[in-house]
Amino acid sequence: MQSPLFSYTEQQSRDRYTVQNPQLLRVSLTGQDDVLARKGAMVAYQGLMEFDGEYQSHGQRRARASTGEGLDLMRCSGQGTVYLANLAQHIHVVDVDHDGMTVDSAYVLALDSSLHTEVIAVDSQYGISGTGKYQLNISGTGKVALMTSGQPLMMQVTPDKYVNADADAIVAWSSSLRVQMQAQTHSSGVWRRRGNTGEGWELSFLGQGFALVQPSEVLPPQNHEIGQGVRAQYGMGQHGAHGQNQNNSWN
């Protein structure tokens, strides 16, 4: 049998995390350290592997119940290689250090089990709950695999150069940054896009660090309804799931 398909072979590497291709992640396990992956993200594996789909700490269950934010994870353990992907999203491996990283959990594909996660709140000048202001803070030392819709843009934030980003396009940022969620409308208008510009909620970042932005304002669908089309889960801003619910209330 011959085909150009046979050129898409396994990438040989001794690294724990290897981007097999832009949309596929290869994780090597030696039986020492487990990896936590998004439920349903495994597309193939080799070796003696176990997958625990019931993994969730007490703190994670409590945070999800009170905020709606969190990760549905499975623990991957054993000796071998596991391949992870999610809806052909672009994959990027990030080394987390003492500075920490804050990310929307919808963009996390996998992370080292040694890392610590905590749900935190992003301040809103309107003080309105339910606008998607909860995010995931990741700290410790280890690796995280993030997903984006398309190739992202890494923006440097300095004390004399702050960054504003659409709340539906922001993926992650340095935990040390000061963050303000805001909209340039008033009263019930905060639930609608600004005038005829198509813009709504935004995040302002100040301090020293980075902000990672994707070229899309819609998250990949996390759930599907057969027979009734696709039900998409969107981001944290006006186009997000919370924003859509609020639009239905205000309109």
Protein backbone atom coordinates (compact mmCIF):
# COMPACT_ATOMS: atom_id res chain seq x y z
CA MET A 1 0.00 0.00 0.00
CA GLN A 2 1.29 3.45 -0.94
CA SER A 3 -0.01 6.90 -0.10
CA PRO A 4 1.26 10.35 0.95
CA LEU A 5 -0.50 9.56 4.25
CA PHE A 6 2.49 7.39 5.23
CA SER A 7 4.64 10.52 5.50
CA TYR A 8 2.67 11.57 8.61
CA THR A 9 4.70 9.40 10.96
CA GLU A 10 5.35 9.67 14.68
CA GLN A 11 7.77 12.38 15.78
CA GLN A 12 10.71 10.83 17.59
CA SER A 13 11.63 12.79 20.70
CA ARG A 14 12.77 12.25 24.28
CA ASP A 15 10.79 15.27 25.46
CA ARG A 16 7.78 14.67 27.67
CA TYR A 17 5.61 16.95 25.51
CA THR A 18 6.07 17.00 21.73
CA VAL A 19 3.84 18.85 19.28
CA GLN A 20 3.33 16.05 16.75
CA ASN A 21 1.81 18.54 14.32
CA PRO A 22 0.10 21.90 14.93
CA GLN A 23 -3.12 20.18 16.06
CA LEU A 24 -1.82 17.02 17.80
CA LEU A 25 0.15 16.64 21.04
CA ARG A 26 2.35 13.66 21.94
CA VAL A 27 2.94 13.05 25.66
CA SER A 28 5.45 10.44 26.85
CA LEU A 29 4.90 8.82 30.26
CA THR A 30 7.52 6.79 32.14
CA GLY A 31 5.40 5.65 35.07
CA GLN A 32 6.79 8.39 37.34
CA ASP A 33 4.62 11.49 36.76
CA ASP A 34 1.04 11.51 35.54
CA VAL A 35 -0.47 14.02 33.13
CA LEU A 36 -3.93 15.54 33.46
CA ALA A 37 -5.77 15.91 30.15
CA ARG A 38 -9.11 17.28 29.05
CA LYS A 39 -11.74 14.56 29.09
CA GLY A 40 -12.22 13.06 25.64
CA ALA A 41 -8.94 14.51 24.31
CA MET A 42 -7.19 11.14 23.85
CA VAL A 43 -7.10 10.16 20.18
CA ALA A 44 -4.54 7.32 20.38
CA TYR A 45 -2.01 5.73 22.72
CA GLN A 46 0.74 3.11 22.86
CA GLY A 47 1.98 1.13 25.82
CA LEU A 48 0.46 0.25 29.19
CA MET A 49 -1.76 3.24 29.94
CA GLU A 50 -4.63 3.90 32.34
CA PHE A 51 -7.20 6.71 32.08
CA ASP A 52 -9.14 7.85 35.13
CA GLY A 53 -12.10 9.95 34.01
CA GLU A 54 -13.36 10.55 37.55
CA TYR A 55 -10.37 12.63 38.60
CA GLN A 56 -11.31 15.85 40.38
CA SER A 57 -10.12 17.25 43.67
CA HIS A 58 -12.50 18.44 46.37
CA GLY A 59 -11.36 22.02 45.76
CA GLN A 60 -12.09 21.73 42.06
CA ARG A 61 -15.59 20.38 42.69
CA ARG A 62 -16.29 23.20 45.14
CA ALA A 63 -14.97 25.85 42.74
CA ARG A 64 -17.05 24.55 39.83
CA ALA A 65 -20.20 24.47 41.98
CA SER A 66 -19.74 28.08 43.12
CA THR A 67 -18.32 29.70 39.97
CA GLY A 68 -19.03 27.41 37.02
CA GLU A 69 -15.33 27.58 36.15
CA GLY A 70 -13.06 24.55 36.15
CA LEU A 71 -11.60 21.70 34.17
CA ASP A 72 -13.14 18.32 33.38
CA LEU A 73 -9.97 16.27 33.58
CA MET A 74 -8.85 12.68 33.25
CA ARG A 75 -5.66 11.36 34.79
CA CYS A 76 -3.36 9.61 32.31
CA SER A 77 -0.83 7.29 33.92
CA GLY A 78 1.39 4.35 33.04
CA GLN A 79 4.27 3.78 30.64
CA GLY A 80 3.87 4.69 27.02
CA THR A 81 2.74 7.47 24.72
CA VAL A 82 -0.61 9.21 24.55
CA TYR A 83 -1.78 11.50 21.75
CA LEU A 84 -4.12 14.36 22.63
CA ALA A 85 -6.17 16.74 20.48
CA ASN A 86 -9.39 18.73 20.62
CA LEU A 87 -11.33 19.67 17.48
CA ALA A 88 -8.13 20.33 15.49
CA GLN A 89 -7.26 23.34 17.65
CA HIS A 90 -3.69 24.67 17.43
CA ILE A 91 -1.59 23.41 20.36
CA HIS A 92 1.13 25.28 22.24
CA VAL A 93 3.27 23.97 25.13
CA VAL A 94 4.08 26.51 27.84
CA ASP A 95 6.58 26.20 30.70
CA VAL A 96 5.00 27.52 33.90
CA ASP A 97 7.40 28.98 36.44
CA HIS A 98 7.11 30.87 39.73
CA ASP A 99 5.38 33.81 37.98
CA GLY A 100 2.33 31.66 37.22
CA MET A 101 -0.21 31.90 34.43
CA THR A 102 -3.92 32.70 34.30
CA VAL A 103 -6.04 31.07 31.60
CA ASP A 104 -9.62 30.34 30.63
CA SER A 105 -10.03 26.63 31.36
CA ALA A 106 -11.65 26.10 27.94
CA TYR A 107 -8.21 26.60 26.36
CA VAL A 108 -6.36 23.97 28.45
CA LEU A 109 -5.63 20.64 26.73
CA ALA A 110 -3.27 19.07 29.28
CA LEU A 111 -1.00 19.89 32.21
CA ASP A 112 1.45 18.23 34.57
CA SER A 113 -0.25 16.76 37.64
CA SER A 114 2.31 18.52 39.85
CA LEU A 115 0.90 21.96 38.96
CA HIS A 116 -1.62 23.71 41.21
CA THR A 117 -4.85 25.19 39.85
CA GLU A 118 -7.13 27.70 41.55
CA VAL A 119 -10.24 29.53 40.35
CA ILE A 120 -9.87 33.30 40.70
CA ALA A 121 -12.11 36.28 39.94
CA VAL A 122 -11.39 38.98 37.37
CA ASP A 123 -12.57 42.34 38.67
CA SER A 124 -15.38 44.12 36.83
CA GLN A 125 -15.92 47.85 37.12
CA TYR A 126 -19.66 47.12 37.06
CA GLY A 127 -19.50 44.52 39.83
CA ILE A 128 -21.86 42.29 37.86
CA SER A 129 -21.73 38.58 38.60
CA GLY A 130 -22.27 36.00 35.89
CA THR A 131 -20.26 37.82 33.22
CA GLY A 132 -17.62 35.12 32.96
CA LYS A 133 -15.20 36.89 35.31
CA TYR A 134 -13.80 33.66 36.80
CA GLN A 135 -10.56 32.28 35.41
CA LEU A 136 -8.07 29.54 36.24
CA ASN A 137 -4.76 30.41 37.90
CA ILE A 138 -1.99 27.84 37.30
CA SER A 139 1.08 27.92 39.53
CA GLY A 140 4.08 25.77 40.36
CA THR A 141 6.68 24.38 37.98
CA GLY A 142 5.70 22.29 34.99
CA LYS A 143 4.18 22.32 31.53
CA VAL A 144 0.74 23.24 30.23
CA ALA A 145 -0.58 22.56 26.73
CA LEU A 146 -2.89 25.35 25.55
CA MET A 147 -5.23 25.44 22.55
CA THR A 148 -6.08 28.33 20.25
CA SER A 149 -8.29 28.84 17.22
CA GLY A 150 -5.57 29.65 14.69
CA GLN A 151 -2.09 31.00 15.34
CA PRO A 152 -2.12 33.33 18.36
CA LEU A 153 -0.49 36.67 19.08
CA MET A 154 1.80 37.08 22.10
CA MET A 155 1.65 40.66 23.39
CA GLN A 156 4.21 42.02 25.83
CA VAL A 157 2.88 44.15 28.68
CA THR A 158 5.20 46.69 30.32
CA PRO A 159 4.62 49.42 32.91
CA ASP A 160 4.57 52.04 30.13
CA LYS A 161 2.69 49.93 27.58
CA TYR A 162 -0.52 48.29 28.74
CA VAL A 163 -2.69 46.03 26.58
CA ASN A 164 -6.44 45.89 26.00
CA ALA A 165 -7.93 42.69 24.60
CA ASP A 166 -11.38 41.51 23.61
CA ALA A 167 -12.64 39.27 26.40
CA ASP A 168 -13.67 36.64 23.84
CA ALA A 169 -10.21 36.54 22.21
CA ILE A 170 -7.91 36.50 25.25
CA VAL A 171 -6.45 33.06 26.03
CA ALA A 172 -3.95 33.52 28.88
CA TRP A 173 -1.82 36.08 30.67
CA SER A 174 0.85 36.43 33.35
CA SER A 175 -0.67 36.03 36.80
CA SER A 176 1.37 38.99 38.05
CA LEU A 177 -0.52 41.43 35.80
CA ARG A 178 -3.26 43.70 37.13
CA VAL A 179 -6.48 43.01 35.24
CA GLN A 180 -9.62 45.10 34.80
CA MET A 181 -12.74 43.89 33.03
CA GLN A 182 -14.66 46.77 31.49
CA ALA A 183 -17.12 47.84 28.81
CA GLN A 184 -17.52 51.24 27.25
CA THR A 185 -21.27 51.39 27.60
CA HIS A 186 -23.55 52.04 30.54
CA SER A 187 -26.47 50.41 32.34
CA SER A 188 -28.15 47.60 30.41
CA GLY A 189 -26.08 48.56 27.38
CA VAL A 190 -23.10 46.61 28.76
CA TRP A 191 -24.82 43.46 27.49
CA ARG A 192 -24.86 44.75 23.90
CA ARG A 193 -21.95 45.26 21.54
CA ARG A 194 -20.56 48.82 21.61
CA GLY A 195 -22.57 50.85 19.15
CA ASN A 196 -22.02 49.56 15.62
CA THR A 197 -18.40 48.52 16.25
CA GLY A 198 -19.25 44.93 17.17
CA GLU A 199 -17.14 45.16 20.36
CA GLY A 200 -18.27 44.49 23.93
CA TRP A 201 -16.42 43.38 27.08
CA GLU A 202 -12.68 43.88 27.18
CA LEU A 203 -9.82 43.19 29.58
CA SER A 204 -7.09 45.71 30.37
CA PHE A 205 -3.68 44.39 31.46
CA LEU A 206 -1.15 46.50 33.38
CA GLY A 207 2.26 45.66 34.82
CA GLN A 208 5.04 43.43 33.48
CA GLY A 209 4.28 40.21 31.62
CA PHE A 210 2.45 38.83 28.60
CA ALA A 211 -1.06 38.49 27.20
CA LEU A 212 -1.87 35.74 24.69
CA VAL A 213 -4.62 36.51 22.15
CA GLN A 214 -6.13 34.20 19.53
CA PRO A 215 -7.50 35.32 16.11
CA SER A 216 -11.02 34.27 17.03
CA GLU A 217 -13.78 35.38 19.40
CA VAL A 218 -15.49 32.00 19.62
CA LEU A 219 -14.32 28.95 21.58
CA PRO A 220 -14.49 25.50 20.00
CA PRO A 221 -17.76 23.69 20.74
CA GLN A 222 -17.43 21.57 23.89
CA ASN A 223 -20.82 19.84 23.63
CA HIS A 224 -22.91 18.58 20.74
CA GLU A 225 -26.62 17.94 20.35
CA ILE A 226 -27.46 15.35 17.72
CA GLY A 227 -30.41 16.24 15.53
CA GLN A 228 -30.58 19.85 16.69
CA GLY A 229 -27.33 21.11 15.24
CA VAL A 230 -24.24 21.93 17.24
CA ARG A 231 -24.41 23.60 20.61
CA ALA A 232 -21.32 25.77 21.09
CA GLN A 233 -19.78 26.95 24.32
CA TYR A 234 -18.40 30.43 23.85
CA GLY A 235 -15.99 32.69 25.70
CA MET A 236 -16.20 34.96 28.70
CA GLY A 237 -17.29 38.25 27.08
CA GLN A 238 -20.41 39.48 25.30
CA HIS A 239 -20.30 36.59 22.83
CA GLY A 240 -19.73 34.14 25.69
CA ALA A 241 -22.23 31.72 27.17
CA HIS A 242 -23.00 34.10 30.03
CA GLY A 243 -23.32 37.02 27.64
CA GLN A 244 -25.70 35.13 25.37
CA ASN A 245 -27.90 34.30 28.34
CA GLN A 246 -27.90 37.93 29.41
CA ASN A 247 -28.74 39.06 25.87
CA ASN A 248 -31.82 36.88 26.01
CA SER A 249 -32.79 38.57 29.27
CA TRP A 250 -32.25 42.14 28.19
CA ASN A 251 -33.55 41.97 24.62
